[in-house]
Amino acid sequence: MPALEPVDFLRAHGRRFPAWGLEESLRYTRSLTREHYENFSVASLLVPKRLRQDYCNVYAYCRWADDLGDETGDPELSLDLLRWWREQLVAMERGEAYHPVFVGLKETAARHVLPRQDFEDLVRAFEQDQSKRDYASYDDLLEYCRYSANPVGRLVLRINGYRDPDLFELSDAICTALQLANHWQDVARDWRIGRVYVPEDVMRVNGSGLDALAADMAHGAASPEFRETVRDLTERAHGLFVAGLPLADRLSGRLGVEIEMFARAGMAVLAKIRSAGFDTISKRPVMTASDHAALLARVLARRLARAPLAIPEAHDAHD
């Protein structure tokens, strides 16, 4: 049976119910991970079999927190549910977990000594989404990414046994860049749900702004000024990928391949935005299964040949 999505789960079970058993909880997080589409694969074959369940448990936590923030249609209800989600994190640490996500996550967090702060930071970002609908500056947006994206990369490193602060810093650059690429990709979608992640200071420098963006959205296509805004932001995200990509060669085994794939997939999204003339209002650029397969082939070929890590320029970031 398919796993219930978070909002449907709450409708069926409410917030309080008998504790789930470990095995059924692990099946739930695996099923939720398998069924939910993501641009960037989760628990793929690149992940060692011994860690796939841990990835699923962490993913399920993130998926739930994200949906509690985005899928209720009611900011006040979302804030209430996110507070409840924080409470379940504390209850898990006390040995009082009953929700399937936390029953599974308890095993993962204990085995890999995962800090509560990383999980709490993610909830903080989703809480912020309920009240902050746009960003005055690029620095404000980077601060948001610190909570919404960077903890995920740090958790992945910790699950794989890495604790080096220098590696965390490289991971942060990649995770922030992935979040930014997703924002530039989803300008139209975000607008429809009442959010603008395009910083006003960058729009202003390029002759655009919130009113001009509203006109572009009504027209269904990006103006030259907004295209310049997206060009500017795309180059910034590319620079972050360049800064973080060396992480791939500092990690052993499959994790290095996985991280390089994440980074290069993000850079490929930026290349698709570039190929579309930086207009992500009229059409959302997407990565296809064949795109991912081609990327994986190139990454594996480089590693088998022991070739140095090539850092593409912004104009050929799809290579």
Foldseek 3Di string as FASTA:
>chain_A
DAADQQVRCCVVANLDDAADDQVVLLVNLVRVQVPDDDLAHWLDPLDPPVCSSLRSLVVSLLRNLLCLLQPPLDLVSSLVVLVSSLVLLVCLVVVNHRHSSSSSNSVLCVVLVQDVVLSVLCNVLSNVVSPAAEAQDPVVLLVSLVRNWLSVQVSVCSSVPDDDVVLSVLSSLLRSLLVLLVLLLCQQVSVVSRHHYQHQVLLVVLPHGDVNVVVCLVVQKDDPSVLVSLVVSLQVSLVSLLSNLVSLVVDDGSVSLSSNLSSLSSLLSSQQCVVVSVISRNDRDGQDPVLSVVSSVVSVVCVVVVHDDDRDDSNPSND
